[in-house]
Amino acid sequence: MRHLTQVRYHLETALKWEVGSPEIGVLSDHTVSTLSGLVNSALSLVPHEYVIAKRVHTLVSMKEKYLRKIAIDSGHL
């Protein structure tokens, strides 16, 4: 249960990111890398937890890349 709580926390953090947010950068890198670690540790847990963690990691990673691209294109980063 603790594992899913951590995944949920990072998902909720990523949901707050918007275009031009100061969180995009170091905080977003930390969130994506932490989710990656949670996905790797979920391999030894219940398969359902792995699937959930992997999906959340994929979505958060895609959002972070998209927001970084917009920031770079607009010259904010």
C-alpha atoms as a PDB file:
ATOM      1  CA  MET A   1       0.000   0.000   0.000  1.00  0.00           C
ATOM      2  CA  ARG A   2       2.884   2.366   0.739  1.00  0.00           C
ATOM      3  CA  HIS A   3       4.140   1.892  -2.811  1.00  0.00           C
ATOM      4  CA  LEU A   4       0.827   2.989  -4.336  1.00  0.00           C
ATOM      5  CA  THR A   5       0.684   5.956  -1.964  1.00  0.00           C
ATOM      6  CA  GLN A   6       4.034   7.166  -3.282  1.00  0.00           C
ATOM      7  CA  VAL A   7       2.923   6.667  -6.885  1.00  0.00           C
ATOM      8  CA  ARG A   8      -0.246   8.645  -6.167  1.00  0.00           C
ATOM      9  CA  TYR A   9       1.733  11.474  -4.532  1.00  0.00           C
ATOM     10  CA  HIS A  10       3.948  11.869  -7.592  1.00  0.00           C
ATOM     11  CA  LEU A  11       0.949  11.699  -9.918  1.00  0.00           C
ATOM     12  CA  GLU A  12      -0.779  14.466  -7.965  1.00  0.00           C
ATOM     13  CA  THR A  13       2.417  16.512  -8.103  1.00  0.00           C
ATOM     14  CA  ALA A  14       2.581  16.140 -11.885  1.00  0.00           C
ATOM     15  CA  LEU A  15      -1.075  17.070 -12.286  1.00  0.00           C
ATOM     16  CA  LYS A  16      -0.259  20.534 -10.880  1.00  0.00           C
ATOM     17  CA  TRP A  17       2.350  21.254 -13.557  1.00  0.00           C
ATOM     18  CA  GLU A  18       1.333  23.832 -16.143  1.00  0.00           C
ATOM     19  CA  VAL A  19       3.020  25.631 -18.997  1.00  0.00           C
ATOM     20  CA  GLY A  20       5.626  27.970 -17.518  1.00  0.00           C
ATOM     21  CA  SER A  21       5.556  26.374 -14.054  1.00  0.00           C
ATOM     22  CA  PRO A  22       8.771  26.815 -12.099  1.00  0.00           C
ATOM     23  CA  GLU A  23       8.517  23.146 -11.112  1.00  0.00           C
ATOM     24  CA  ILE A  24       9.507  22.062 -14.614  1.00  0.00           C
ATOM     25  CA  GLY A  25      13.197  21.286 -14.383  1.00  0.00           C
ATOM     26  CA  VAL A  26      14.750  19.943 -11.217  1.00  0.00           C
ATOM     27  CA  LEU A  27      11.481  18.988  -9.492  1.00  0.00           C
ATOM     28  CA  SER A  28      10.060  17.343 -12.589  1.00  0.00           C
ATOM     29  CA  ASP A  29      13.327  15.428 -13.123  1.00  0.00           C
ATOM     30  CA  HIS A  30      13.137  14.214  -9.525  1.00  0.00           C
ATOM     31  CA  THR A  31       9.512  13.146  -9.921  1.00  0.00           C
ATOM     32  CA  VAL A  32      10.182  11.217 -13.141  1.00  0.00           C
ATOM     33  CA  SER A  33      13.280   9.507 -11.740  1.00  0.00           C
ATOM     34  CA  THR A  34      11.512   8.608  -8.498  1.00  0.00           C
ATOM     35  CA  LEU A  35       8.626   7.111 -10.452  1.00  0.00           C
ATOM     36  CA  SER A  36      11.142   5.145 -12.502  1.00  0.00           C
ATOM     37  CA  GLY A  37      12.564   3.716  -9.292  1.00  0.00           C
ATOM     38  CA  LEU A  38       9.079   2.854  -8.063  1.00  0.00           C
ATOM     39  CA  VAL A  39       8.386   1.034 -11.329  1.00  0.00           C
ATOM     40  CA  ASN A  40      11.589  -0.973 -10.960  1.00  0.00           C
ATOM     41  CA  SER A  41      10.781  -1.899  -7.366  1.00  0.00           C
ATOM     42  CA  ALA A  42       7.225  -2.846  -8.368  1.00  0.00           C
ATOM     43  CA  LEU A  43       8.565  -5.711 -10.470  1.00  0.00           C
ATOM     44  CA  SER A  44       8.885  -7.742  -7.288  1.00  0.00           C
ATOM     45  CA  LEU A  45       5.453  -6.691  -6.009  1.00  0.00           C
ATOM     46  CA  VAL A  46       1.951  -7.554  -7.121  1.00  0.00           C
ATOM     47  CA  PRO A  47       1.662  -7.351 -10.942  1.00  0.00           C
ATOM     48  CA  HIS A  48      -1.230  -4.901 -10.679  1.00  0.00           C
ATOM     49  CA  GLU A  49       0.962  -2.443  -8.792  1.00  0.00           C
ATOM     50  CA  TYR A  50       3.607  -2.712 -11.498  1.00  0.00           C
ATOM     51  CA  VAL A  51       1.053  -1.960 -14.218  1.00  0.00           C
ATOM     52  CA  ILE A  52      -0.291   1.052 -12.350  1.00  0.00           C
ATOM     53  CA  ALA A  53       3.180   2.404 -11.567  1.00  0.00           C
ATOM     54  CA  LYS A  54       4.318   1.911 -15.179  1.00  0.00           C
ATOM     55  CA  ARG A  55       1.279   3.715 -16.586  1.00  0.00           C
ATOM     56  CA  VAL A  56       1.679   6.624 -14.189  1.00  0.00           C
ATOM     57  CA  HIS A  57       5.393   6.854 -14.986  1.00  0.00           C
ATOM     58  CA  THR A  58       4.667   6.883 -18.722  1.00  0.00           C
ATOM     59  CA  LEU A  59       2.027   9.605 -18.428  1.00  0.00           C
ATOM     60  CA  VAL A  60       4.092  11.806 -16.110  1.00  0.00           C
ATOM     61  CA  SER A  61       7.155  11.404 -18.313  1.00  0.00           C
ATOM     62  CA  MET A  62       5.178  12.365 -21.424  1.00  0.00           C
ATOM     63  CA  LYS A  63       3.716  15.438 -19.697  1.00  0.00           C
ATOM     64  CA  GLU A  64       7.142  16.526 -18.458  1.00  0.00           C
ATOM     65  CA  LYS A  65       8.677  16.196 -21.937  1.00  0.00           C
ATOM     66  CA  TYR A  66       5.778  18.115 -23.474  1.00  0.00           C
ATOM     67  CA  LEU A  67       6.022  20.975 -20.972  1.00  0.00           C
ATOM     68  CA  ARG A  68       9.808  21.146 -21.387  1.00  0.00           C
ATOM     69  CA  LYS A  69       9.402  21.332 -25.179  1.00  0.00           C
ATOM     70  CA  ILE A  70       6.914  24.182 -24.863  1.00  0.00           C
ATOM     71  CA  ALA A  71       9.228  26.004 -22.454  1.00  0.00           C
ATOM     72  CA  ILE A  72      12.187  25.604 -24.797  1.00  0.00           C
ATOM     73  CA  ASP A  73      10.167  26.692 -27.835  1.00  0.00           C
ATOM     74  CA  SER A  74       8.936  29.791 -26.028  1.00  0.00           C
ATOM     75  CA  GLY A  75      12.412  30.601 -24.689  1.00  0.00           C
ATOM     76  CA  HIS A  76      11.637  30.174 -20.983  1.00  0.00           C
ATOM     77  CA  LEU A  77      14.151  27.420 -20.412  1.00  0.00           C
END
